[in-house]
Structure formats: C-alpha cells, structure tokens
Amino acid sequence: MRVGVYVDGFNLYYGGRGICGRSIKGWKWLDIRALSIALIKNHSHWQNVSLERVVFCTARVSGAFDQDGQHRQDVYLRALKLYNSVDEISFGNYVSRISLAPLATPNKKGKPQITKPSWPIMIKTGLGGDDPSAVFMASVARREEKGSDVNVASHLLIDVIDKRIDAALIISNDSDLAFPIKSMRSRVPVGMINPTASQTAGRLKGTPMDGVGGHWWARLGASELFESQLPQNSGGLTKPAHW
C-alpha cells in the first residue's frame, strides 16, 4: 500500500506545543517520516505500507518580527531535506497586518466574550452618565500563516487523481480541509491525525466505511512526538537550543 502523507506544519507545531507544553524540550526536532510511520503503525490496520510521498506544508517565518524564530525554522527545514524526512516542502505565505477588533477574554468554553465597561474603568456618555454597553476596540499586530490548507488539499488531490498513492494520511485539524478529504474518501482510504489538544473538528469526522472504506481517526500523543526525532547533530546542522 503506497501511502501519501500531507502535513499542515503550523497546525502540527502549535498543536504539539499545546500537547507537550510550551516550555518543554525534546519534541520540536521532529522527523516527519518517522512520525508518520509510527502513527500508521499505532493507529491503523493498513498492511504492507510504504511511504510514497511525505509533503510538509508550511510558510517561512518573517524575520522582521522574529529573527531567532526565522533562523531556527530555516535550520529545521534544511534538516528535513538533509535527513530525507520529507519528499517535498510546500510553502504558503506568512502574512503580517493590523487588525481592529473588540476587546475580549475567553469564557469557560474558550470562546470570545466581549469585554464591557465596569468600574473601576467606565465609559462616559456625552451627557456624563455611565455607558456600560460601550465596546472597547483594540488595534493589534497579527501574524498568520496562509496557504498551508490549500497546499495540503492540492497535493492530496493531485496525488490521488494521478494514482500515485493507494491511501492518504493527513496530519491536521483544520476544518477547511473537510470537502477535499470527504471527496477523497470515495477514492482511497484516509487516515486523519488530530495534532492538537482540542477535539477533532466535527467537519473532519466520518465513518470507517465511508466511500471505499478503511478510514481511521486518531489524536497525536506526546510520546509519539518525543520518540520521532531527527539526529541532534549531523551535516553541519544542530538542533536549536531549547528544542
């Protein structure tokens, strides 16, 4: 069974940070190929598997805001190619912009709750009275990755249509992938790995017997991250400190 692996790099990184802990070392120097093999072995019933394609979708971090982060990412991407951990790195864009939005805090379910004026900070009306219904607006710098979901979907569709793979493993919890993944389940078995600490997105769910059958869903475990690491030093590349 020829398997194609399609990874949303930022979803995996931030998900892993949520699973393992932001300050915990030992999991970020990920060997994507080794991780994929472990995930298939641990969670699927697929037999005689060979990894035909490992595609890592990401975007380059902007050095304008984070020079150290840009350097660490560059070292890691070069290491992925050096160790043959991926077959292709597909780049989206890293976008920086200013956003204006209501000030909010998370509620008990983690959903945004708009902040309203209350003493000791209160908004006054033009007549001098209290205005508890006013909304605080905040202008913030936003930096976000764009395009990884499109690249994951595109590589998946092309490889299935070209009959390059017999099954697909997708590492992402991005619900924007729901339509292409649902479509591919009528053509090949699809394994879904949720790399985050959140519940699997409802739109990504299905049943093992949808379409051609043989599908499965699983959540990434911390041990799978720690046990799937690249060599620490080789070929002039060294794992970044605190990774």
Protein backbone atom coordinates (compact mmCIF):
# COMPACT_ATOMS: atom_id res chain seq x y z
CA MET A 1 0.00 0.00 0.00
CA ARG A 2 1.56 3.27 -1.18
CA VAL A 3 0.72 5.99 1.35
CA GLY A 4 0.95 9.73 0.85
CA VAL A 5 1.43 11.89 3.95
CA TYR A 6 0.28 15.51 3.98
CA VAL A 7 1.22 17.68 6.95
CA ASP A 8 -0.02 21.14 7.95
CA GLY A 9 3.23 22.27 9.56
CA PHE A 10 1.89 25.16 11.65
CA ASN A 11 -1.09 23.11 12.86
CA LEU A 12 1.35 20.40 13.92
CA TYR A 13 3.75 22.83 15.63
CA TYR A 14 1.18 24.75 17.66
CA GLY A 15 -0.73 21.55 18.36
CA GLY A 16 2.42 19.87 19.64
CA ARG A 17 3.13 22.86 21.84
CA GLY A 18 -0.34 22.53 23.33
CA ILE A 19 0.10 18.79 23.89
CA CYS A 20 3.63 18.84 25.31
CA GLY A 21 3.80 22.28 26.90
CA ARG A 22 5.32 25.49 25.62
CA SER A 23 8.48 25.30 27.75
CA ILE A 24 9.08 21.54 27.38
CA LYS A 25 12.12 20.47 25.37
CA GLY A 26 12.71 17.36 23.30
CA TRP A 27 9.83 17.24 20.80
CA LYS A 28 10.27 20.03 18.20
CA TRP A 29 13.15 18.49 16.17
CA LEU A 30 10.60 16.24 14.52
CA ASP A 31 11.40 13.56 11.98
CA ILE A 32 8.19 13.76 9.93
CA ARG A 33 8.80 10.46 8.12
CA ALA A 34 9.48 8.56 11.34
CA LEU A 35 6.45 10.16 12.97
CA SER A 36 4.23 9.16 10.04
CA ILE A 37 5.41 5.55 10.18
CA ALA A 38 4.75 5.44 13.93
CA LEU A 39 1.26 6.93 13.54
CA ILE A 40 0.26 4.41 10.90
CA LYS A 41 1.66 1.54 12.97
CA ASN A 42 -0.01 2.73 16.20
CA HIS A 43 -3.43 3.67 14.88
CA SER A 44 -4.26 1.96 11.58
CA HIS A 45 -4.92 -1.55 10.27
CA TRP A 46 -3.21 -0.83 6.95
CA GLN A 47 -0.89 -3.59 5.81
CA ASN A 48 2.33 -3.65 3.73
CA VAL A 49 2.69 0.13 3.96
CA SER A 50 5.35 2.12 2.12
CA LEU A 51 5.55 5.89 2.28
CA GLU A 52 5.33 7.06 -1.32
CA ARG A 53 5.18 10.79 -0.57
CA VAL A 54 5.70 12.94 2.53
CA VAL A 55 4.66 16.54 1.89
CA PHE A 56 5.26 19.18 4.56
CA CYS A 57 3.20 22.35 4.08
CA THR A 58 4.35 25.48 5.90
CA ALA A 59 5.34 29.13 5.43
CA ARG A 60 8.58 30.92 6.19
CA VAL A 61 8.52 32.90 9.43
CA SER A 62 9.12 36.63 8.97
CA GLY A 63 12.45 37.82 10.33
CA ALA A 64 11.02 41.31 10.72
CA PHE A 65 9.25 40.19 13.90
CA ASP A 66 11.26 37.15 14.99
CA GLN A 67 14.81 36.78 13.69
CA ASP A 68 15.63 33.93 16.06
CA GLY A 69 12.47 32.09 15.05
CA GLN A 70 13.29 32.58 11.38
CA HIS A 71 16.77 31.14 11.90
CA ARG A 72 15.50 28.13 13.88
CA GLN A 73 12.89 27.38 11.24
CA ASP A 74 15.46 27.65 8.44
CA VAL A 75 17.75 25.16 10.20
CA TYR A 76 14.85 22.77 10.74
CA LEU A 77 13.63 22.92 7.13
CA ARG A 78 17.15 22.21 5.88
CA ALA A 79 17.40 19.30 8.31
CA LEU A 80 14.15 17.82 6.98
CA LYS A 81 15.64 17.68 3.49
CA LEU A 82 19.10 16.57 4.63
CA TYR A 83 17.74 13.55 6.52
CA ASN A 84 15.18 12.72 3.80
CA SER A 85 12.46 13.25 6.40
CA VAL A 86 10.17 14.76 3.75
CA ASP A 87 9.96 14.49 -0.02
CA GLU A 88 8.64 18.00 -0.58
CA ILE A 89 8.27 21.22 1.38
CA SER A 90 5.37 23.25 0.02
CA PHE A 91 5.33 26.92 1.01
CA GLY A 92 2.40 29.22 1.68
CA ASN A 93 2.77 32.80 2.88
CA TYR A 94 3.39 34.38 6.27
CA VAL A 95 1.23 37.50 6.46
CA SER A 96 1.62 40.46 8.83
CA ARG A 97 -1.16 43.02 9.19
CA ILE A 98 -3.00 45.32 11.58
CA SER A 99 -6.44 44.23 12.80
CA LEU A 100 -9.10 46.21 14.64
CA ALA A 101 -11.36 44.13 16.87
CA PRO A 102 -13.45 44.33 20.05
CA LEU A 103 -11.55 43.64 23.25
CA ALA A 104 -12.46 40.18 24.55
CA THR A 105 -11.48 37.46 27.01
CA PRO A 106 -12.14 33.70 26.79
CA ASN A 107 -15.22 32.32 28.52
CA LYS A 108 -15.38 28.93 30.27
CA LYS A 109 -15.56 27.17 26.89
CA GLY A 110 -12.68 29.16 25.45
CA LYS A 111 -14.96 31.24 23.24
CA PRO A 112 -14.50 35.04 22.99
CA GLN A 113 -16.53 37.08 25.42
CA ILE A 114 -16.70 40.80 24.60
CA THR A 115 -15.33 42.97 27.41
CA LYS A 116 -17.80 45.57 28.68
CA PRO A 117 -17.02 48.68 30.76
CA SER A 118 -17.42 48.31 34.52
CA TRP A 119 -15.92 50.15 37.45
CA PRO A 120 -13.10 50.91 38.10
CA ILE A 121 -12.91 51.53 34.34
CA MET A 122 -16.08 53.04 32.90
CA ILE A 123 -17.03 54.81 29.65
CA LYS A 124 -19.00 58.04 29.99
CA THR A 125 -21.69 59.23 27.59
CA GLY A 126 -21.70 62.73 26.16
CA LEU A 127 -24.13 63.69 28.95
CA GLY A 128 -21.77 62.47 31.67
CA GLY A 129 -23.60 59.25 32.56
CA ASP A 130 -22.16 55.74 32.65
CA ASP A 131 -22.29 53.73 29.41
CA PRO A 132 -21.91 50.03 30.40
CA SER A 133 -22.90 48.92 26.87
CA ALA A 134 -19.87 50.54 25.20
CA VAL A 135 -17.33 48.35 23.43
CA PHE A 136 -13.56 48.69 23.81
CA MET A 137 -11.76 48.44 20.45
CA ALA A 138 -8.16 47.25 20.15
CA SER A 139 -5.74 47.68 17.24
CA VAL A 140 -3.27 44.78 17.21
CA ALA A 141 -0.50 43.39 15.02
CA ARG A 142 -1.39 39.98 13.59
CA ARG A 143 1.00 37.50 12.06
CA GLU A 144 -0.50 34.41 10.48
CA GLU A 145 0.26 31.69 8.00
CA LYS A 146 -1.78 31.48 4.82
CA GLY A 147 -1.96 28.73 2.24
CA SER A 148 -0.99 25.53 4.06
CA ASP A 149 -4.54 24.16 3.98
CA VAL A 150 -4.78 24.84 0.24
CA ASN A 151 -1.41 23.19 -0.36
CA VAL A 152 -2.35 20.12 1.70
CA ALA A 153 -5.58 19.75 -0.29
CA SER A 154 -3.89 20.37 -3.65
CA HIS A 155 -1.12 17.82 -3.16
CA LEU A 156 -3.61 15.27 -1.85
CA LEU A 157 -5.97 15.70 -4.81
CA ILE A 158 -3.23 15.62 -7.43
CA ASP A 159 -1.58 12.50 -5.99
CA VAL A 160 -4.90 10.64 -5.77
CA ILE A 161 -6.03 11.65 -9.26
CA ASP A 162 -2.63 10.70 -10.71
CA LYS A 163 -2.96 7.29 -8.92
CA ARG A 164 0.36 7.92 -7.23
CA ILE A 165 -0.90 6.70 -3.84
CA ASP A 166 -3.25 3.99 -2.54
CA ALA A 167 -4.04 5.68 0.79
CA ALA A 168 -3.51 9.06 2.45
CA LEU A 169 -2.53 10.24 5.93
CA ILE A 170 -3.39 13.85 6.78
CA ILE A 171 -1.91 15.50 9.87
CA SER A 172 -4.14 18.49 10.54
CA ASN A 173 -7.24 19.55 12.46
CA ASP A 174 -8.17 22.33 10.04
CA SER A 175 -11.87 22.09 9.21
CA ASP A 176 -11.24 23.94 5.93
CA LEU A 177 -9.97 20.59 4.62
CA ALA A 178 -13.36 18.93 5.12
CA PHE A 179 -14.55 18.98 1.49
CA PRO A 180 -11.40 17.67 -0.26
CA ILE A 181 -10.89 14.98 2.38
CA LYS A 182 -14.51 13.85 2.21
CA SER A 183 -14.19 13.65 -1.58
CA MET A 184 -11.02 11.58 -1.38
CA ARG A 185 -12.67 9.01 0.91
CA SER A 186 -14.61 7.80 -2.12
CA ARG A 187 -11.29 7.04 -3.84
CA VAL A 188 -8.72 5.95 -1.23
CA PRO A 189 -8.60 5.07 2.48
CA VAL A 190 -7.81 8.19 4.53
CA GLY A 191 -6.22 8.38 7.98
CA MET A 192 -6.70 11.58 9.98
CA ILE A 193 -4.39 12.64 12.81
CA ASN A 194 -5.53 15.49 15.02
CA PRO A 195 -2.24 17.09 16.16
CA THR A 196 -3.90 19.42 18.68
CA ALA A 197 -5.16 19.22 22.23
CA SER A 198 -8.64 20.24 21.01
CA GLN A 199 -11.43 17.93 19.92
CA THR A 200 -11.27 16.74 16.32
CA ALA A 201 -13.09 19.23 14.12
CA GLY A 202 -16.62 17.94 13.51
CA ARG A 203 -16.45 18.56 9.78
CA LEU A 204 -13.43 16.25 9.50
CA LYS A 205 -15.23 13.29 11.04
CA GLY A 206 -16.90 10.43 9.22
CA THR A 207 -17.20 6.66 9.49
CA PRO A 208 -14.59 3.99 8.69
CA MET A 209 -16.82 2.59 5.91
CA ASP A 210 -17.49 5.84 4.03
CA GLY A 211 -16.68 5.58 0.33
CA VAL A 212 -14.06 2.91 -0.26
CA GLY A 213 -13.69 2.25 3.49
CA GLY A 214 -10.58 1.67 5.55
CA HIS A 215 -10.58 5.17 7.08
CA TRP A 216 -9.47 5.98 10.62
CA TRP A 217 -9.08 8.89 13.04
CA ALA A 218 -6.66 9.37 15.94
CA ARG A 219 -5.15 12.06 18.13
CA LEU A 220 -1.43 12.68 18.25
CA GLY A 221 0.21 11.64 21.51
CA ALA A 222 3.09 13.34 23.29
CA SER A 223 5.12 10.10 23.31
CA GLU A 224 4.88 9.89 19.52
CA LEU A 225 6.44 13.34 19.27
CA PHE A 226 9.27 12.65 21.71
CA GLU A 227 10.09 9.32 20.06
CA SER A 228 10.21 10.68 16.48
CA GLN A 229 13.24 12.98 16.49
CA LEU A 230 15.93 13.76 13.94
CA PRO A 231 19.61 13.18 14.82
CA GLN A 232 20.76 16.05 17.01
CA ASN A 233 23.94 16.87 15.08
CA SER A 234 24.92 15.96 11.54
CA GLY A 235 25.93 17.54 8.26
CA GLY A 236 26.68 20.89 9.89
CA LEU A 237 23.15 21.23 11.28
CA THR A 238 22.47 21.26 15.01
CA LYS A 239 19.16 21.08 16.83
CA PRO A 240 18.33 24.59 18.11
CA ALA A 241 18.77 25.18 21.82
CA HIS A 242 15.65 24.53 23.93
CA TRP A 243 14.16 22.27 21.21
